[in-house]
Amino acid sequence: MIYTVLKLEEDLDYGCEEKAEDQPVMAVVTLRSEAGEESAWKIPDRLLYEREIIQGDEVIFDENDQIQRLGHMRIQLNITGDTER
């Protein structure tokens, strides 16, 4: 399923505790599905930066449930000669 990134926010909700030193900084990503349904996901902020995911991007979740920017996936598929999904 393809989602559109509506909003990216730093996750500041750690309850009564502070964030543990070894815990990654998380972002709350609000997504809208093709059916128009909105959902919020907690995703490591570092992963979003590495994959250059920003507001307005189209994304999917791969077979390992990792978020991927759709435009980047299409480029990789075309380079390898695989058929787009």
PDB file of N, CA and C in Angstrom:
ATOM      1  N   MET A   1       0.843  -1.172   0.000  1.00  0.00           N
ATOM      2  CA  MET A   1       0.000   0.000   0.000  1.00  0.00           C
ATOM      3  C   MET A   1       0.891   1.240   0.000  1.00  0.00           C
ATOM      4  N   ILE A   2       0.478   2.256  -0.717  1.00  0.00           N
ATOM      5  CA  ILE A   2       1.219   3.512  -0.784  1.00  0.00           C
ATOM      6  C   ILE A   2       0.605   4.503   0.200  1.00  0.00           C
ATOM      7  N   TYR A   3       1.479   5.202   0.934  1.00  0.00           N
ATOM      8  CA  TYR A   3       1.058   6.217   1.893  1.00  0.00           C
ATOM      9  C   TYR A   3       1.675   7.551   1.509  1.00  0.00           C
ATOM     10  N   THR A   4       1.012   8.640   1.884  1.00  0.00           N
ATOM     11  CA  THR A   4       1.564   9.983   1.740  1.00  0.00           C
ATOM     12  C   THR A   4       1.928  10.489   3.127  1.00  0.00           C
ATOM     13  N   VAL A   5       3.140  11.045   3.264  1.00  0.00           N
ATOM     14  CA  VAL A   5       3.592  11.598   4.534  1.00  0.00           C
ATOM     15  C   VAL A   5       2.918  12.951   4.727  1.00  0.00           C
ATOM     16  N   LEU A   6       2.078  13.051   5.748  1.00  0.00           N
ATOM     17  CA  LEU A   6       1.380  14.300   6.036  1.00  0.00           C
ATOM     18  C   LEU A   6       2.152  15.179   7.001  1.00  0.00           C
ATOM     19  N   LYS A   7       2.791  14.550   7.999  1.00  0.00           N
ATOM     20  CA  LYS A   7       3.452  15.326   9.044  1.00  0.00           C
ATOM     21  C   LYS A   7       4.569  14.503   9.665  1.00  0.00           C
ATOM     22  N   LEU A   8       5.671  15.176  10.016  1.00  0.00           N
ATOM     23  CA  LEU A   8       6.796  14.568  10.738  1.00  0.00           C
ATOM     24  C   LEU A   8       7.032  15.393  11.994  1.00  0.00           C
ATOM     25  N   GLU A   9       7.009  14.744  13.143  1.00  0.00           N
ATOM     26  CA  GLU A   9       7.235  15.440  14.407  1.00  0.00           C
ATOM     27  C   GLU A   9       8.148  14.598  15.285  1.00  0.00           C
ATOM     28  N   GLU A  10       8.988  15.255  16.064  1.00  0.00           N
ATOM     29  CA  GLU A  10       9.825  14.527  17.009  1.00  0.00           C
ATOM     30  C   GLU A  10       8.938  13.963  18.107  1.00  0.00           C
ATOM     31  N   ASP A  11       9.178  12.706  18.480  1.00  0.00           N
ATOM     32  CA  ASP A  11       8.415  12.061  19.557  1.00  0.00           C
ATOM     33  C   ASP A  11       8.972  12.536  20.883  1.00  0.00           C
ATOM     34  N   LEU A  12       8.200  13.325  21.585  1.00  0.00           N
ATOM     35  CA  LEU A  12       8.640  13.857  22.875  1.00  0.00           C
ATOM     36  C   LEU A  12       7.913  13.206  24.041  1.00  0.00           C
ATOM     37  N   ASP A  13       7.102  12.181  23.778  1.00  0.00           N
ATOM     38  CA  ASP A  13       6.311  11.528  24.813  1.00  0.00           C
ATOM     39  C   ASP A  13       7.063  10.326  25.373  1.00  0.00           C
ATOM     40  N   TYR A  14       7.711  10.526  26.501  1.00  0.00           N
ATOM     41  CA  TYR A  14       8.431   9.436  27.168  1.00  0.00           C
ATOM     42  C   TYR A  14       7.751   9.050  28.479  1.00  0.00           C
ATOM     43  N   GLY A  15       6.531   9.528  28.679  1.00  0.00           N
ATOM     44  CA  GLY A  15       5.818   9.227  29.913  1.00  0.00           C
ATOM     45  C   GLY A  15       6.463   9.948  31.079  1.00  0.00           C
ATOM     46  N   CYS A  16       6.553   9.283  32.224  1.00  0.00           N
ATOM     47  CA  CYS A  16       7.144   9.875  33.422  1.00  0.00           C
ATOM     48  C   CYS A  16       8.676   9.841  33.371  1.00  0.00           C
ATOM     49  N   GLU A  17       9.200   9.037  32.503  1.00  0.00           N
ATOM     50  CA  GLU A  17      10.650   8.840  32.417  1.00  0.00           C
ATOM     51  C   GLU A  17      11.248   9.739  31.333  1.00  0.00           C
ATOM     52  N   GLU A  18      12.563   9.936  31.430  1.00  0.00           N
ATOM     53  CA  GLU A  18      13.286  10.578  30.336  1.00  0.00           C
ATOM     54  C   GLU A  18      13.729   9.499  29.373  1.00  0.00           C
ATOM     55  N   LYS A  19      14.082   9.916  28.160  1.00  0.00           N
ATOM     56  CA  LYS A  19      14.556   8.967  27.151  1.00  0.00           C
ATOM     57  C   LYS A  19      15.860   8.344  27.626  1.00  0.00           C
ATOM     58  N   ALA A  20      15.950   7.019  27.525  1.00  0.00           N
ATOM     59  CA  ALA A  20      17.166   6.310  27.909  1.00  0.00           C
ATOM     60  C   ALA A  20      18.286   6.673  26.933  1.00  0.00           C
ATOM     61  N   GLU A  21      19.520   6.684  27.425  1.00  0.00           N
ATOM     62  CA  GLU A  21      20.687   7.042  26.605  1.00  0.00           C
ATOM     63  C   GLU A  21      20.780   6.192  25.335  1.00  0.00           C
ATOM     64  N   ASP A  22      20.478   4.889  25.450  1.00  0.00           N
ATOM     65  CA  ASP A  22      20.638   3.986  24.312  1.00  0.00           C
ATOM     66  C   ASP A  22      19.397   3.914  23.416  1.00  0.00           C
ATOM     67  N   GLN A  23      18.360   4.643  23.757  1.00  0.00           N
ATOM     68  CA  GLN A  23      17.120   4.639  22.976  1.00  0.00           C
ATOM     69  C   GLN A  23      17.243   5.652  21.839  1.00  0.00           C
ATOM     70  N   PRO A  24      16.933   5.247  20.587  1.00  0.00           N
ATOM     71  CA  PRO A  24      17.053   6.184  19.469  1.00  0.00           C
ATOM     72  C   PRO A  24      16.000   7.289  19.540  1.00  0.00           C
ATOM     73  N   VAL A  25      16.330   8.434  18.960  1.00  0.00           N
ATOM     74  CA  VAL A  25      15.352   9.513  18.836  1.00  0.00           C
ATOM     75  C   VAL A  25      14.309   9.047  17.827  1.00  0.00           C
ATOM     76  N   MET A  26      13.054   9.146  18.218  1.00  0.00           N
ATOM     77  CA  MET A  26      11.966   8.682  17.363  1.00  0.00           C
ATOM     78  C   MET A  26      11.195   9.885  16.816  1.00  0.00           C
ATOM     79  N   ALA A  27      10.567   9.660  15.677  1.00  0.00           N
ATOM     80  CA  ALA A  27       9.684  10.658  15.083  1.00  0.00           C
ATOM     81  C   ALA A  27       8.292  10.045  14.993  1.00  0.00           C
ATOM     82  N   VAL A  28       7.292  10.884  15.120  1.00  0.00           N
ATOM     83  CA  VAL A  28       5.917  10.459  14.889  1.00  0.00           C
ATOM     84  C   VAL A  28       5.577  10.903  13.467  1.00  0.00           C
ATOM     85  N   VAL A  29       5.297   9.930  12.617  1.00  0.00           N
ATOM     86  CA  VAL A  29       5.026  10.180  11.208  1.00  0.00           C
ATOM     87  C   VAL A  29       3.540   9.933  10.965  1.00  0.00           C
ATOM     88  N   THR A  30       2.842  10.969  10.537  1.00  0.00           N
ATOM     89  CA  THR A  30       1.426  10.839  10.208  1.00  0.00           C
ATOM     90  C   THR A  30       1.317  10.543   8.717  1.00  0.00           C
ATOM     91  N   LEU A  31       0.662   9.433   8.405  1.00  0.00           N
ATOM     92  CA  LEU A  31       0.529   8.964   7.028  1.00  0.00           C
ATOM     93  C   LEU A  31      -0.936   8.916   6.618  1.00  0.00           C
ATOM     94  N   ARG A  32      -1.183   9.111   5.306  1.00  0.00           N
ATOM     95  CA  ARG A  32      -2.535   8.924   4.755  1.00  0.00           C
ATOM     96  C   ARG A  32      -2.448   7.822   3.709  1.00  0.00           C
ATOM     97  N   SER A  33      -3.283   6.802   3.839  1.00  0.00           N
ATOM     98  CA  SER A  33      -3.302   5.679   2.899  1.00  0.00           C
ATOM     99  C   SER A  33      -4.013   6.085   1.614  1.00  0.00           C
ATOM    100  N   GLU A  34      -3.926   5.220   0.633  1.00  0.00           N
ATOM    101  CA  GLU A  34      -4.630   5.447  -0.639  1.00  0.00           C
ATOM    102  C   GLU A  34      -6.135   5.546  -0.435  1.00  0.00           C
ATOM    103  N   ALA A  35      -6.638   4.905   0.626  1.00  0.00           N
ATOM    104  CA  ALA A  35      -8.072   4.931   0.933  1.00  0.00           C
ATOM    105  C   ALA A  35      -8.469   6.177   1.725  1.00  0.00           C
ATOM    106  N   GLY A  36      -7.480   7.035   2.054  1.00  0.00           N
ATOM    107  CA  GLY A  36      -7.768   8.263   2.781  1.00  0.00           C
ATOM    108  C   GLY A  36      -7.709   8.142   4.289  1.00  0.00           C
ATOM    109  N   GLU A  37      -7.325   6.968   4.800  1.00  0.00           N
ATOM    110  CA  GLU A  37      -7.247   6.765   6.244  1.00  0.00           C
ATOM    111  C   GLU A  37      -5.916   7.286   6.768  1.00  0.00           C
ATOM    112  N   GLU A  38      -5.950   7.987   7.894  1.00  0.00           N
ATOM    113  CA  GLU A  38      -4.745   8.521   8.511  1.00  0.00           C
ATOM    114  C   GLU A  38      -4.303   7.645   9.679  1.00  0.00           C
ATOM    115  N   SER A  39      -2.990   7.504   9.823  1.00  0.00           N
ATOM    116  CA  SER A  39      -2.433   6.738  10.940  1.00  0.00           C
ATOM    117  C   SER A  39      -1.104   7.364  11.329  1.00  0.00           C
ATOM    118  N   ALA A  40      -0.710   7.146  12.586  1.00  0.00           N
ATOM    119  CA  ALA A  40       0.554   7.673  13.097  1.00  0.00           C
ATOM    120  C   ALA A  40       1.478   6.506  13.426  1.00  0.00           C
ATOM    121  N   TRP A  41       2.736   6.633  13.029  1.00  0.00           N
ATOM    122  CA  TRP A  41       3.741   5.601  13.238  1.00  0.00           C
ATOM    123  C   TRP A  41       4.942   6.213  13.943  1.00  0.00           C
ATOM    124  N   LYS A  42       5.536   5.478  14.875  1.00  0.00           N
ATOM    125  CA  LYS A  42       6.798   5.902  15.486  1.00  0.00           C
ATOM    126  C   LYS A  42       7.929   5.232  14.716  1.00  0.00           C
ATOM    127  N   ILE A  43       8.799   6.057  14.152  1.00  0.00           N
ATOM    128  CA  ILE A  43       9.883   5.578  13.298  1.00  0.00           C
ATOM    129  C   ILE A  43      11.167   6.272  13.738  1.00  0.00           C
ATOM    130  N   PRO A  44      12.295   5.546  13.793  1.00  0.00           N
ATOM    131  CA  PRO A  44      13.556   6.201  14.178  1.00  0.00           C
ATOM    132  C   PRO A  44      13.856   7.398  13.269  1.00  0.00           C
ATOM    133  N   ASP A  45      14.114   8.540  13.893  1.00  0.00           N
ATOM    134  CA  ASP A  45      14.388   9.770  13.165  1.00  0.00           C
ATOM    135  C   ASP A  45      15.575   9.599  12.210  1.00  0.00           C
ATOM    136  N   ARG A  46      16.585   8.880  12.636  1.00  0.00           N
ATOM    137  CA  ARG A  46      17.784   8.637  11.828  1.00  0.00           C
ATOM    138  C   ARG A  46      17.418   7.958  10.503  1.00  0.00           C
ATOM    139  N   LEU A  47      16.483   7.021  10.559  1.00  0.00           N
ATOM    140  CA  LEU A  47      16.060   6.293   9.367  1.00  0.00           C
ATOM    141  C   LEU A  47      15.395   7.232   8.354  1.00  0.00           C
ATOM    142  N   LEU A  48      14.598   8.161   8.852  1.00  0.00           N
ATOM    143  CA  LEU A  48      13.944   9.121   7.968  1.00  0.00           C
ATOM    144  C   LEU A  48      14.974  10.007   7.269  1.00  0.00           C
ATOM    145  N   TYR A  49      16.000  10.436   8.011  1.00  0.00           N
ATOM    146  CA  TYR A  49      17.060  11.250   7.414  1.00  0.00           C
ATOM    147  C   TYR A  49      17.854  10.452   6.388  1.00  0.00           C
ATOM    148  N   GLU A  50      18.219   9.223   6.751  1.00  0.00           N
ATOM    149  CA  GLU A  50      19.002   8.385   5.838  1.00  0.00           C
ATOM    150  C   GLU A  50      18.270   8.133   4.533  1.00  0.00           C
ATOM    151  N   ARG A  51      16.954   7.996   4.607  1.00  0.00           N
ATOM    152  CA  ARG A  51      16.159   7.688   3.412  1.00  0.00           C
ATOM    153  C   ARG A  51      15.563   8.935   2.786  1.00  0.00           C
ATOM    154  N   GLU A  52      15.938  10.094   3.342  1.00  0.00           N
ATOM    155  CA  GLU A  52      15.519  11.396   2.815  1.00  0.00           C
ATOM    156  C   GLU A  52      14.002  11.505   2.675  1.00  0.00           C
ATOM    157  N   ILE A  53      13.300  11.030   3.698  1.00  0.00           N
ATOM    158  CA  ILE A  53      11.834  11.077   3.701  1.00  0.00           C
ATOM    159  C   ILE A  53      11.392  12.391   4.333  1.00  0.00           C
ATOM    160  N   ILE A  54      10.568  13.130   3.584  1.00  0.00           N
ATOM    161  CA  ILE A  54      10.069  14.417   4.052  1.00  0.00           C
ATOM    162  C   ILE A  54       8.561  14.491   3.847  1.00  0.00           C
ATOM    163  N   GLN A  55       7.965  15.533   4.409  1.00  0.00           N
ATOM    164  CA  GLN A  55       6.525  15.750   4.265  1.00  0.00           C
ATOM    165  C   GLN A  55       6.168  15.832   2.788  1.00  0.00           C
ATOM    166  N   GLY A  56       5.089  15.148   2.411  1.00  0.00           N
ATOM    167  CA  GLY A  56       4.622  15.144   1.035  1.00  0.00           C
ATOM    168  C   GLY A  56       5.093  13.939   0.233  1.00  0.00           C
ATOM    169  N   ASP A  57       6.122  13.233   0.716  1.00  0.00           N
ATOM    170  CA  ASP A  57       6.631  12.055   0.003  1.00  0.00           C
ATOM    171  C   ASP A  57       5.618  10.921   0.014  1.00  0.00           C
ATOM    172  N   GLU A  58       5.701  10.079  -1.014  1.00  0.00           N
ATOM    173  CA  GLU A  58       4.960   8.828  -1.027  1.00  0.00           C
ATOM    174  C   GLU A  58       5.900   7.746  -0.523  1.00  0.00           C
ATOM    175  N   VAL A  59       5.404   6.913   0.387  1.00  0.00           N
ATOM    176  CA  VAL A  59       6.220   5.872   1.001  1.00  0.00           C
ATOM    177  C   VAL A  59       5.468   4.549   1.001  1.00  0.00           C
ATOM    178  N   ILE A  60       6.233   3.479   1.165  1.00  0.00           N
ATOM    179  CA  ILE A  60       5.677   2.139   1.360  1.00  0.00           C
ATOM    180  C   ILE A  60       6.438   1.506   2.510  1.00  0.00           C
ATOM    181  N   PHE A  61       5.948   0.375   2.979  1.00  0.00           N
ATOM    182  CA  PHE A  61       6.676  -0.434   3.946  1.00  0.00           C
ATOM    183  C   PHE A  61       7.117  -1.691   3.210  1.00  0.00           C
ATOM    184  N   ASP A  62       8.431  -1.973   3.274  1.00  0.00           N
ATOM    185  CA  ASP A  62       8.971  -3.124   2.541  1.00  0.00           C
ATOM    186  C   ASP A  62       8.669  -4.438   3.264  1.00  0.00           C
ATOM    187  N   GLU A  63       9.204  -5.528   2.744  1.00  0.00           N
ATOM    188  CA  GLU A  63       8.931  -6.855   3.302  1.00  0.00           C
ATOM    189  C   GLU A  63       9.424  -7.015   4.739  1.00  0.00           C
ATOM    190  N   ASN A  64      10.306  -6.112   5.185  1.00  0.00           N
ATOM    191  CA  ASN A  64      10.799  -6.133   6.572  1.00  0.00           C
ATOM    192  C   ASN A  64      10.106  -5.081   7.428  1.00  0.00           C
ATOM    193  N   ASP A  65       8.997  -4.540   6.933  1.00  0.00           N
ATOM    194  CA  ASP A  65       8.236  -3.472   7.599  1.00  0.00           C
ATOM    195  C   ASP A  65       9.071  -2.223   7.841  1.00  0.00           C
ATOM    196  N   GLN A  66      10.018  -1.959   6.942  1.00  0.00           N
ATOM    197  CA  GLN A  66      10.830  -0.747   7.005  1.00  0.00           C
ATOM    198  C   GLN A  66      10.274   0.262   6.006  1.00  0.00           C
ATOM    199  N   ILE A  67      10.172   1.511   6.434  1.00  0.00           N
ATOM    200  CA  ILE A  67       9.642   2.549   5.558  1.00  0.00           C
ATOM    201  C   ILE A  67      10.641   2.849   4.445  1.00  0.00           C
ATOM    202  N   GLN A  68      10.114   3.031   3.239  1.00  0.00           N
ATOM    203  CA  GLN A  68      10.929   3.346   2.058  1.00  0.00           C
ATOM    204  C   GLN A  68      10.233   4.456   1.276  1.00  0.00           C
ATOM    205  N   ARG A  69      11.013   5.402   0.811  1.00  0.00           N
ATOM    206  CA  ARG A  69      10.459   6.457  -0.037  1.00  0.00           C
ATOM    207  C   ARG A  69      10.180   5.859  -1.407  1.00  0.00           C
ATOM    208  N   LEU A  70       8.976   6.032  -1.911  1.00  0.00           N
ATOM    209  CA  LEU A  70       8.563   5.379  -3.145  1.00  0.00           C
ATOM    210  C   LEU A  70       9.380   5.830  -4.343  1.00  0.00           C
ATOM    211  N   GLY A  71       9.652   7.099  -4.498  1.00  0.00           N
ATOM    212  CA  GLY A  71      10.439   7.580  -5.622  1.00  0.00           C
ATOM    213  C   GLY A  71      11.803   6.926  -5.660  1.00  0.00           C
ATOM    214  N   HIS A  72      12.434   6.742  -4.500  1.00  0.00           N
ATOM    215  CA  HIS A  72      13.744   6.095  -4.402  1.00  0.00           C
ATOM    216  C   HIS A  72      13.638   4.627  -4.808  1.00  0.00           C
ATOM    217  N   MET A  73      12.569   3.958  -4.401  1.00  0.00           N
ATOM    218  CA  MET A  73      12.373   2.550  -4.749  1.00  0.00           C
ATOM    219  C   MET A  73      12.219   2.401  -6.261  1.00  0.00           C
ATOM    220  N   ARG A  74      11.484   3.291  -6.905  1.00  0.00           N
ATOM    221  CA  ARG A  74      11.275   3.211  -8.352  1.00  0.00           C
ATOM    222  C   ARG A  74      12.597   3.379  -9.092  1.00  0.00           C
ATOM    223  N   ILE A  75      13.436   4.299  -8.615  1.00  0.00           N
ATOM    224  CA  ILE A  75      14.738   4.508  -9.252  1.00  0.00           C
ATOM    225  C   ILE A  75      15.580   3.246  -9.137  1.00  0.00           C
ATOM    226  N   GLN A  76      15.626   2.633  -7.957  1.00  0.00           N
ATOM    227  CA  GLN A  76      16.406   1.412  -7.764  1.00  0.00           C
ATOM    228  C   GLN A  76      15.894   0.292  -8.653  1.00  0.00           C
ATOM    229  N   LEU A  77      14.587   0.138  -8.768  1.00  0.00           N
ATOM    230  CA  LEU A  77      14.018  -0.927  -9.581  1.00  0.00           C
ATOM    231  C   LEU A  77      14.361  -0.720 -11.051  1.00  0.00           C
ATOM    232  N   ASN A  78      14.316   0.508 -11.522  1.00  0.00           N
ATOM    233  CA  ASN A  78      14.629   0.778 -12.914  1.00  0.00           C
ATOM    234  C   ASN A  78      16.102   0.546 -13.219  1.00  0.00           C
ATOM    235  N   ILE A  79      16.984   0.866 -12.292  1.00  0.00           N
ATOM    236  CA  ILE A  79      18.409   0.664 -12.497  1.00  0.00           C
ATOM    237  C   ILE A  79      18.733  -0.826 -12.608  1.00  0.00           C
ATOM    238  N   THR A  80      18.100  -1.637 -11.782  1.00  0.00           N
ATOM    239  CA  THR A  80      18.387  -3.067 -11.794  1.00  0.00           C
ATOM    240  C   THR A  80      17.654  -3.788 -12.919  1.00  0.00           C
ATOM    241  N   GLY A  81      16.732  -3.103 -13.558  1.00  0.00           N
ATOM    242  CA  GLY A  81      16.003  -3.717 -14.664  1.00  0.00           C
ATOM    243  C   GLY A  81      14.789  -4.509 -14.216  1.00  0.00           C
ATOM    244  N   ASP A  82      14.506  -4.500 -12.923  1.00  0.00           N
ATOM    245  CA  ASP A  82      13.321  -5.206 -12.432  1.00  0.00           C
ATOM    246  C   ASP A  82      12.063  -4.454 -12.829  1.00  0.00           C
ATOM    247  N   THR A  83      10.977  -5.147 -12.868  1.00  0.00           N
ATOM    248  CA  THR A  83       9.693  -4.544 -13.189  1.00  0.00           C
ATOM    249  C   THR A  83       9.160  -3.810 -11.983  1.00  0.00           C
ATOM    250  N   GLU A  84       8.609  -2.620 -12.224  1.00  0.00           N
ATOM    251  CA  GLU A  84       8.004  -1.874 -11.115  1.00  0.00           C
ATOM    252  C   GLU A  84       6.777  -2.601 -10.614  1.00  0.00           C
ATOM    253  N   ARG A  85       6.514  -2.451  -9.316  1.00  0.00           N
ATOM    254  CA  ARG A  85       5.355  -3.114  -8.698  1.00  0.00           C
ATOM    255  C   ARG A  85       4.173  -2.203  -8.691  1.00  0.00           C
TER     256      ARG A  85
END
